[in-house]
Full PDB file with SEQRES, HELIX, SHEET, SSBOND, CRYST1, ORIGX, SCALE, CONECT and MASTER records, all heavy atoms in Angstrom:
SEQRES   1 A   30  ALA PRO VAL THR THR LEU SER GLY GLY ASN GLN GLN LYS          
SEQRES   2 A   30  VAL VAL ILE ALA ARG GLU LEU ARG GLY ARG ASP PHE SER          
SEQRES   3 A   30  LEU LEU LEU ALA                                              
HELIX    1 AA1 VAL A    3  THR A    5  5                                   3    
HELIX    2 AA2 GLY A    8  ALA A   17  1                                  10    
HELIX    3 AA3 ARG A   18  GLY A   22  3                                   5    
CRYST1    1.000    1.000    1.000  90.00  90.00  90.00 P 1           1          
ORIGX1      1.000000  0.000000  0.000000        0.00000                         
ORIGX2      0.000000  1.000000  0.000000        0.00000                         
ORIGX3      0.000000  0.000000  1.000000        0.00000                         
SCALE1      1.000000  0.000000  0.000000        0.00000                         
SCALE2      0.000000  1.000000  0.000000        0.00000                         
SCALE3      0.000000  0.000000  1.000000        0.00000                         
ATOM      1  N   ALA A   1      16.301 -14.465  31.041  1.00  0.00           N  
ATOM      2  CA  ALA A   1      15.981 -13.259  31.810  1.00  0.00           C  
ATOM      3  C   ALA A   1      15.647 -12.119  30.863  1.00  0.00           C  
ATOM      4  O   ALA A   1      16.285 -11.915  29.843  1.00  0.00           O  
ATOM      5  CB  ALA A   1      17.216 -12.922  32.679  1.00  0.00           C  
ATOM      6  N   PRO A   2      14.650 -11.311  31.223  1.00  0.00           N  
ATOM      7  CA  PRO A   2      14.304 -10.116  30.375  1.00  0.00           C  
ATOM      8  C   PRO A   2      15.505  -9.168  30.414  1.00  0.00           C  
ATOM      9  O   PRO A   2      16.128  -8.979  31.468  1.00  0.00           O  
ATOM     10  CB  PRO A   2      13.078  -9.540  31.098  1.00  0.00           C  
ATOM     11  CG  PRO A   2      12.558 -10.599  31.921  1.00  0.00           C  
ATOM     12  CD  PRO A   2      13.691 -11.438  32.339  1.00  0.00           C  
ATOM     13  N   VAL A   3      15.790  -8.488  29.320  1.00  0.00           N  
ATOM     14  CA  VAL A   3      16.948  -7.567  29.277  1.00  0.00           C  
ATOM     15  C   VAL A   3      16.695  -6.349  30.193  1.00  0.00           C  
ATOM     16  O   VAL A   3      17.649  -5.711  30.606  1.00  0.00           O  
ATOM     17  CB  VAL A   3      17.345  -7.113  27.889  1.00  0.00           C  
ATOM     18  CG1 VAL A   3      17.837  -8.218  27.042  1.00  0.00           C  
ATOM     19  CG2 VAL A   3      16.186  -6.389  27.207  1.00  0.00           C  
ATOM     20  N   THR A   4      15.439  -6.125  30.514  1.00  0.00           N  
ATOM     21  CA  THR A   4      15.165  -5.008  31.431  1.00  0.00           C  
ATOM     22  C   THR A   4      15.749  -5.201  32.796  1.00  0.00           C  
ATOM     23  O   THR A   4      15.929  -4.260  33.548  1.00  0.00           O  
ATOM     24  CB  THR A   4      13.621  -4.738  31.520  1.00  0.00           C  
ATOM     25  OG1 THR A   4      13.415  -3.517  32.181  1.00  0.00           O  
ATOM     26  CG2 THR A   4      12.961  -5.892  32.267  1.00  0.00           C  
ATOM     27  N   THR A   5      16.057  -6.453  33.146  1.00  0.00           N  
ATOM     28  CA  THR A   5      16.649  -6.751  34.460  1.00  0.00           C  
ATOM     29  C   THR A   5      18.191  -6.599  34.453  1.00  0.00           C  
ATOM     30  O   THR A   5      18.795  -6.710  35.514  1.00  0.00           O  
ATOM     31  CB  THR A   5      16.340  -8.196  34.943  1.00  0.00           C  
ATOM     32  OG1 THR A   5      16.886  -9.135  34.031  1.00  0.00           O  
ATOM     33  CG2 THR A   5      14.813  -8.359  34.964  1.00  0.00           C  
ATOM     34  N   LEU A   6      18.779  -6.353  33.287  1.00  0.00           N  
ATOM     35  CA  LEU A   6      20.223  -6.218  33.191  1.00  0.00           C  
ATOM     36  C   LEU A   6      20.649  -4.770  33.426  1.00  0.00           C  
ATOM     37  O   LEU A   6      19.893  -3.839  33.153  1.00  0.00           O  
ATOM     38  CB  LEU A   6      20.689  -6.637  31.781  1.00  0.00           C  
ATOM     39  CG  LEU A   6      20.986  -8.149  31.532  1.00  0.00           C  
ATOM     40  CD1 LEU A   6      19.825  -9.010  31.859  1.00  0.00           C  
ATOM     41  CD2 LEU A   6      21.483  -8.314  30.092  1.00  0.00           C  
ATOM     42  N   SER A   7      21.891  -4.594  33.812  1.00  0.00           N  
ATOM     43  CA  SER A   7      22.458  -3.249  33.890  1.00  0.00           C  
ATOM     44  C   SER A   7      22.641  -2.725  32.481  1.00  0.00           C  
ATOM     45  O   SER A   7      22.619  -3.455  31.487  1.00  0.00           O  
ATOM     46  CB  SER A   7      23.832  -3.308  34.603  1.00  0.00           C  
ATOM     47  OG  SER A   7      24.772  -4.015  33.779  1.00  0.00           O  
ATOM     48  N   GLY A   8      22.827  -1.395  32.429  1.00  0.00           N  
ATOM     49  CA  GLY A   8      22.998  -0.771  31.105  1.00  0.00           C  
ATOM     50  C   GLY A   8      24.161  -1.326  30.307  1.00  0.00           C  
ATOM     51  O   GLY A   8      24.028  -1.547  29.077  1.00  0.00           O  
ATOM     52  N   GLY A   9      25.276  -1.596  30.991  1.00  0.00           N  
ATOM     53  CA  GLY A   9      26.427  -2.153  30.263  1.00  0.00           C  
ATOM     54  C   GLY A   9      26.210  -3.524  29.738  1.00  0.00           C  
ATOM     55  O   GLY A   9      26.655  -3.888  28.671  1.00  0.00           O  
ATOM     56  N   ASN A  10      25.467  -4.360  30.500  1.00  0.00           N  
ATOM     57  CA  ASN A  10      25.154  -5.717  30.025  1.00  0.00           C  
ATOM     58  C   ASN A  10      24.133  -5.700  28.930  1.00  0.00           C  
ATOM     59  O   ASN A  10      24.160  -6.541  28.008  1.00  0.00           O  
ATOM     60  CB  ASN A  10      24.763  -6.618  31.221  1.00  0.00           C  
ATOM     61  CG  ASN A  10      25.923  -7.059  31.975  1.00  0.00           C  
ATOM     62  OD1 ASN A  10      26.756  -7.889  31.534  1.00  0.00           O  
ATOM     63  ND2 ASN A  10      26.125  -6.552  33.172  1.00  0.00           N  
ATOM     64  N   GLN A  11      23.211  -4.749  28.956  1.00  0.00           N  
ATOM     65  CA  GLN A  11      22.291  -4.571  27.852  1.00  0.00           C  
ATOM     66  C   GLN A  11      23.106  -4.223  26.568  1.00  0.00           C  
ATOM     67  O   GLN A  11      22.830  -4.715  25.475  1.00  0.00           O  
ATOM     68  CB  GLN A  11      21.288  -3.432  28.161  1.00  0.00           C  
ATOM     69  CG  GLN A  11      20.280  -3.794  29.217  1.00  0.00           C  
ATOM     70  CD  GLN A  11      19.454  -2.610  29.640  1.00  0.00           C  
ATOM     71  OE1 GLN A  11      19.578  -1.498  29.082  1.00  0.00           O  
ATOM     72  NE2 GLN A  11      18.563  -2.793  30.573  1.00  0.00           N  
ATOM     73  N   GLN A  12      24.114  -3.348  26.754  1.00  0.00           N  
ATOM     74  CA  GLN A  12      24.921  -2.978  25.608  1.00  0.00           C  
ATOM     75  C   GLN A  12      25.693  -4.215  25.041  1.00  0.00           C  
ATOM     76  O   GLN A  12      25.854  -4.353  23.846  1.00  0.00           O  
ATOM     77  CB  GLN A  12      25.936  -1.869  25.964  1.00  0.00           C  
ATOM     78  CG  GLN A  12      26.733  -1.336  24.810  1.00  0.00           C  
ATOM     79  CD  GLN A  12      25.928  -0.458  23.871  1.00  0.00           C  
ATOM     80  OE1 GLN A  12      24.699  -0.343  24.026  1.00  0.00           O  
ATOM     81  NE2 GLN A  12      26.584   0.164  22.946  1.00  0.00           N  
ATOM     82  N   LYS A  13      26.131  -5.071  25.925  1.00  0.00           N  
ATOM     83  CA  LYS A  13      26.861  -6.308  25.501  1.00  0.00           C  
ATOM     84  C   LYS A  13      25.879  -7.207  24.649  1.00  0.00           C  
ATOM     85  O   LYS A  13      26.366  -7.838  23.715  1.00  0.00           O  
ATOM     86  CB  LYS A  13      27.351  -7.076  26.694  1.00  0.00           C  
ATOM     87  CG  LYS A  13      28.584  -6.449  27.335  1.00  0.00           C  
ATOM     88  CD  LYS A  13      29.023  -7.376  28.493  1.00  0.00           C  
ATOM     89  CE  LYS A  13      30.290  -6.803  29.203  1.00  0.00           C  
ATOM     90  NZ  LYS A  13      30.685  -7.686  30.303  1.00  0.00           N  
ATOM     91  N   VAL A  14      24.629  -7.222  25.000  1.00  0.00           N  
ATOM     92  CA  VAL A  14      23.669  -8.034  24.211  1.00  0.00           C  
ATOM     93  C   VAL A  14      23.595  -7.468  22.742  1.00  0.00           C  
ATOM     94  O   VAL A  14      23.643  -8.228  21.795  1.00  0.00           O  
ATOM     95  CB  VAL A  14      22.286  -8.018  24.849  1.00  0.00           C  
ATOM     96  CG1 VAL A  14      21.228  -8.636  23.928  1.00  0.00           C  
ATOM     97  CG2 VAL A  14      22.268  -8.715  26.195  1.00  0.00           C  
ATOM     98  N   VAL A  15      23.550  -6.154  22.652  1.00  0.00           N  
ATOM     99  CA  VAL A  15      23.515  -5.530  21.304  1.00  0.00           C  
ATOM    100  C   VAL A  15      24.810  -5.807  20.544  1.00  0.00           C  
ATOM    101  O   VAL A  15      24.792  -6.190  19.371  1.00  0.00           O  
ATOM    102  CB  VAL A  15      23.249  -3.979  21.427  1.00  0.00           C  
ATOM    103  CG1 VAL A  15      23.328  -3.381  20.040  1.00  0.00           C  
ATOM    104  CG2 VAL A  15      21.937  -3.717  22.093  1.00  0.00           C  
ATOM    105  N   ILE A  16      25.936  -5.583  21.229  1.00  0.00           N  
ATOM    106  CA  ILE A  16      27.241  -5.826  20.592  1.00  0.00           C  
ATOM    107  C   ILE A  16      27.383  -7.320  20.179  1.00  0.00           C  
ATOM    108  O   ILE A  16      27.867  -7.587  19.037  1.00  0.00           O  
ATOM    109  CB  ILE A  16      28.387  -5.464  21.579  1.00  0.00           C  
ATOM    110  CG1 ILE A  16      28.389  -4.003  21.895  1.00  0.00           C  
ATOM    111  CG2 ILE A  16      29.693  -5.898  21.006  1.00  0.00           C  
ATOM    112  CD1 ILE A  16      28.934  -3.077  20.835  1.00  0.00           C  
ATOM    113  N   ALA A  17      26.966  -8.216  20.979  1.00  0.00           N  
ATOM    114  CA  ALA A  17      27.066  -9.646  20.645  1.00  0.00           C  
ATOM    115  C   ALA A  17      26.268  -9.967  19.419  1.00  0.00           C  
ATOM    116  O   ALA A  17      26.700 -10.712  18.551  1.00  0.00           O  
ATOM    117  CB  ALA A  17      26.594 -10.481  21.864  1.00  0.00           C  
ATOM    118  N   ARG A  18      25.044  -9.395  19.298  1.00  0.00           N  
ATOM    119  CA  ARG A  18      24.232  -9.716  18.148  1.00  0.00           C  
ATOM    120  C   ARG A  18      24.821  -9.089  16.906  1.00  0.00           C  
ATOM    121  O   ARG A  18      24.802  -9.756  15.834  1.00  0.00           O  
ATOM    122  CB  ARG A  18      22.774  -9.153  18.395  1.00  0.00           C  
ATOM    123  CG  ARG A  18      21.838  -9.462  17.297  1.00  0.00           C  
ATOM    124  CD  ARG A  18      20.488  -8.783  17.507  1.00  0.00           C  
ATOM    125  NE  ARG A  18      20.584  -7.346  17.482  1.00  0.00           N  
ATOM    126  CZ  ARG A  18      20.105  -6.537  18.434  1.00  0.00           C  
ATOM    127  NH1 ARG A  18      19.489  -7.018  19.451  1.00  0.00           N  
ATOM    128  NH2 ARG A  18      20.198  -5.214  18.304  1.00  0.00           N  
ATOM    129  N   GLU A  19      25.233  -7.908  16.946  1.00  0.00           N  
ATOM    130  CA  GLU A  19      25.644  -7.123  15.766  1.00  0.00           C  
ATOM    131  C   GLU A  19      27.006  -7.545  15.317  1.00  0.00           C  
ATOM    132  O   GLU A  19      27.333  -7.491  14.090  1.00  0.00           O  
ATOM    133  CB  GLU A  19      25.601  -5.616  16.012  1.00  0.00           C  
ATOM    134  CG  GLU A  19      24.194  -5.108  16.325  1.00  0.00           C  
ATOM    135  CD  GLU A  19      23.147  -5.457  15.273  1.00  0.00           C  
ATOM    136  OE1 GLU A  19      23.514  -5.326  14.100  1.00  0.00           O  
ATOM    137  OE2 GLU A  19      22.036  -5.857  15.640  1.00  0.00           O  
ATOM    138  N   LEU A  20      27.884  -7.952  16.215  1.00  0.00           N  
ATOM    139  CA  LEU A  20      29.276  -8.315  15.772  1.00  0.00           C  
ATOM    140  C   LEU A  20      29.394  -9.816  15.497  1.00  0.00           C  
ATOM    141  O   LEU A  20      30.262 -10.201  14.697  1.00  0.00           O  
ATOM    142  CB  LEU A  20      30.302  -7.914  16.823  1.00  0.00           C  
ATOM    143  CG  LEU A  20      30.918  -6.507  16.621  1.00  0.00           C  
ATOM    144  CD1 LEU A  20      29.877  -5.430  16.881  1.00  0.00           C  
ATOM    145  CD2 LEU A  20      32.116  -6.305  17.487  1.00  0.00           C  
ATOM    146  N   ARG A  21      28.604 -10.644  16.142  1.00  0.00           N  
ATOM    147  CA  ARG A  21      28.761 -12.076  15.946  1.00  0.00           C  
ATOM    148  C   ARG A  21      27.531 -12.762  15.402  1.00  0.00           C  
ATOM    149  O   ARG A  21      27.617 -13.858  14.871  1.00  0.00           O  
ATOM    150  CB  ARG A  21      29.124 -12.735  17.302  1.00  0.00           C  
ATOM    151  CG  ARG A  21      30.507 -12.340  17.799  1.00  0.00           C  
ATOM    152  CD  ARG A  21      31.626 -12.923  16.943  1.00  0.00           C  
ATOM    153  NE  ARG A  21      32.925 -12.402  17.343  1.00  0.00           N  
ATOM    154  CZ  ARG A  21      33.676 -12.900  18.326  1.00  0.00           C  
ATOM    155  NH1 ARG A  21      33.251 -13.929  19.014  1.00  0.00           N  
ATOM    156  NH2 ARG A  21      34.875 -12.377  18.601  1.00  0.00           N  
ATOM    157  N   GLY A  22      26.390 -12.075  15.473  1.00  0.00           N  
ATOM    158  CA  GLY A  22      25.164 -12.705  14.983  1.00  0.00           C  
ATOM    159  C   GLY A  22      24.966 -12.520  13.504  1.00  0.00           C  
ATOM    160  O   GLY A  22      24.264 -13.285  12.863  1.00  0.00           O  
ATOM    161  N   ARG A  23      25.603 -11.477  12.932  1.00  0.00           N  
ATOM    162  CA  ARG A  23      25.392 -11.176  11.521  1.00  0.00           C  
ATOM    163  C   ARG A  23      26.679 -11.389  10.721  1.00  0.00           C  
ATOM    164  O   ARG A  23      27.785 -11.181  11.234  1.00  0.00           O  
ATOM    165  CB  ARG A  23      24.922  -9.741  11.359  1.00  0.00           C  
ATOM    166  CG  ARG A  23      23.692  -9.328  12.109  1.00  0.00           C  
ATOM    167  CD  ARG A  23      23.252  -7.917  11.770  1.00  0.00           C  
ATOM    168  NE  ARG A  23      22.238  -7.402  12.670  1.00  0.00           N  
ATOM    169  CZ  ARG A  23      20.986  -7.744  12.635  1.00  0.00           C  
ATOM    170  NH1 ARG A  23      20.529  -8.556  11.705  1.00  0.00           N  
ATOM    171  NH2 ARG A  23      20.080  -7.254  13.484  1.00  0.00           N  
ATOM    172  N   ASP A  24      26.539 -11.663   9.437  1.00  0.00           N  
ATOM    173  CA  ASP A  24      27.639 -11.701   8.508  1.00  0.00           C  
ATOM    174  C   ASP A  24      27.668 -10.319   7.836  1.00  0.00           C  
ATOM    175  O   ASP A  24      26.911 -10.023   6.943  1.00  0.00           O  
ATOM    176  CB  ASP A  24      27.469 -12.802   7.480  1.00  0.00           C  
ATOM    177  CG  ASP A  24      28.642 -12.857   6.527  1.00  0.00           C  
ATOM    178  OD1 ASP A  24      29.721 -12.266   6.842  1.00  0.00           O  
ATOM    179  OD2 ASP A  24      28.514 -13.460   5.445  1.00  0.00           O  
ATOM    180  N   PHE A  25      28.578  -9.419   8.293  1.00  0.00           N  
ATOM    181  CA  PHE A  25      28.573  -8.027   7.848  1.00  0.00           C  
ATOM    182  C   PHE A  25      29.864  -7.641   7.244  1.00  0.00           C  
ATOM    183  O   PHE A  25      30.932  -8.240   7.522  1.00  0.00           O  
ATOM    184  CB  PHE A  25      28.250  -7.130   9.044  1.00  0.00           C  
ATOM    185  CG  PHE A  25      29.325  -7.038  10.086  1.00  0.00           C  
ATOM    186  CD1 PHE A  25      30.330  -6.145  10.056  1.00  0.00           C  
ATOM    187  CD2 PHE A  25      29.263  -7.950  11.157  1.00  0.00           C  
ATOM    188  CE1 PHE A  25      31.333  -6.104  11.037  1.00  0.00           C  
ATOM    189  CE2 PHE A  25      30.251  -7.932  12.142  1.00  0.00           C  
ATOM    190  CZ  PHE A  25      31.273  -6.988  12.118  1.00  0.00           C  
ATOM    191  N   SER A  26      29.800  -6.661   6.384  1.00  0.00           N  
ATOM    192  CA  SER A  26      31.028  -6.052   5.836  1.00  0.00           C  
ATOM    193  C   SER A  26      31.217  -4.660   6.367  1.00  0.00           C  
ATOM    194  O   SER A  26      32.317  -4.112   6.412  1.00  0.00           O  
ATOM    195  CB  SER A  26      30.971  -6.004   4.306  1.00  0.00           C  
ATOM    196  OG  SER A  26      29.807  -5.328   3.836  1.00  0.00           O  
ATOM    197  N   LEU A  27      30.136  -3.992   6.800  1.00  0.00           N  
ATOM    198  CA  LEU A  27      30.189  -2.642   7.351  1.00  0.00           C  
ATOM    199  C   LEU A  27      29.525  -2.633   8.762  1.00  0.00           C  
ATOM    200  O   LEU A  27      28.370  -3.061   8.878  1.00  0.00           O  
ATOM    201  CB  LEU A  27      29.415  -1.647   6.440  1.00  0.00           C  
ATOM    202  CG  LEU A  27      29.214  -0.258   7.027  1.00  0.00           C  
ATOM    203  CD1 LEU A  27      30.492   0.491   7.151  1.00  0.00           C  
ATOM    204  CD2 LEU A  27      28.268   0.548   6.136  1.00  0.00           C  
ATOM    205  N   LEU A  28      30.225  -2.125   9.739  1.00  0.00           N  
ATOM    206  CA  LEU A  28      29.673  -2.006  11.077  1.00  0.00           C  
ATOM    207  C   LEU A  28      29.505  -0.491  11.372  1.00  0.00           C  
ATOM    208  O   LEU A  28      30.445   0.263  11.321  1.00  0.00           O  
ATOM    209  CB  LEU A  28      30.614  -2.597  12.118  1.00  0.00           C  
ATOM    210  CG  LEU A  28      30.218  -2.389  13.582  1.00  0.00           C  
ATOM    211  CD1 LEU A  28      28.887  -3.039  13.919  1.00  0.00           C  
ATOM    212  CD2 LEU A  28      31.279  -2.905  14.507  1.00  0.00           C  
ATOM    213  N   LEU A  29      28.262  -0.107  11.731  1.00  0.00           N  
ATOM    214  CA  LEU A  29      27.984   1.281  12.160  1.00  0.00           C  
ATOM    215  C   LEU A  29      27.936   1.160  13.730  1.00  0.00           C  
ATOM    216  O   LEU A  29      27.012   0.619  14.289  1.00  0.00           O  
ATOM    217  CB  LEU A  29      26.621   1.740  11.632  1.00  0.00           C  
ATOM    218  CG  LEU A  29      26.450   1.664  10.101  1.00  0.00           C  
ATOM    219  CD1 LEU A  29      25.016   2.035   9.737  1.00  0.00           C  
ATOM    220  CD2 LEU A  29      27.462   2.536   9.402  1.00  0.00           C  
ATOM    221  N   ALA A  30      28.940   1.738  14.393  1.00  0.00           N  
ATOM    222  CA  ALA A  30      29.039   1.643  15.855  1.00  0.00           C  
ATOM    223  C   ALA A  30      28.838   3.023  16.396  1.00  0.00           C  
ATOM    224  O   ALA A  30      29.742   3.902  16.260  1.00  0.00           O  
ATOM    225  CB  ALA A  30      30.368   1.068  16.273  1.00  0.00           C  
TER     226      ALA A  30                                                      
MASTER        0    0    0    3    0    0    0    6  225    1    0    3          
END                                                                             
């Protein structure tokens, strides 16, 4: 599904999921 069809909160969850679990990071800018 295109993210444009999601509510704002679920769009935010997509970003959070990618940045917190998709990357191997030492610093998170939230």
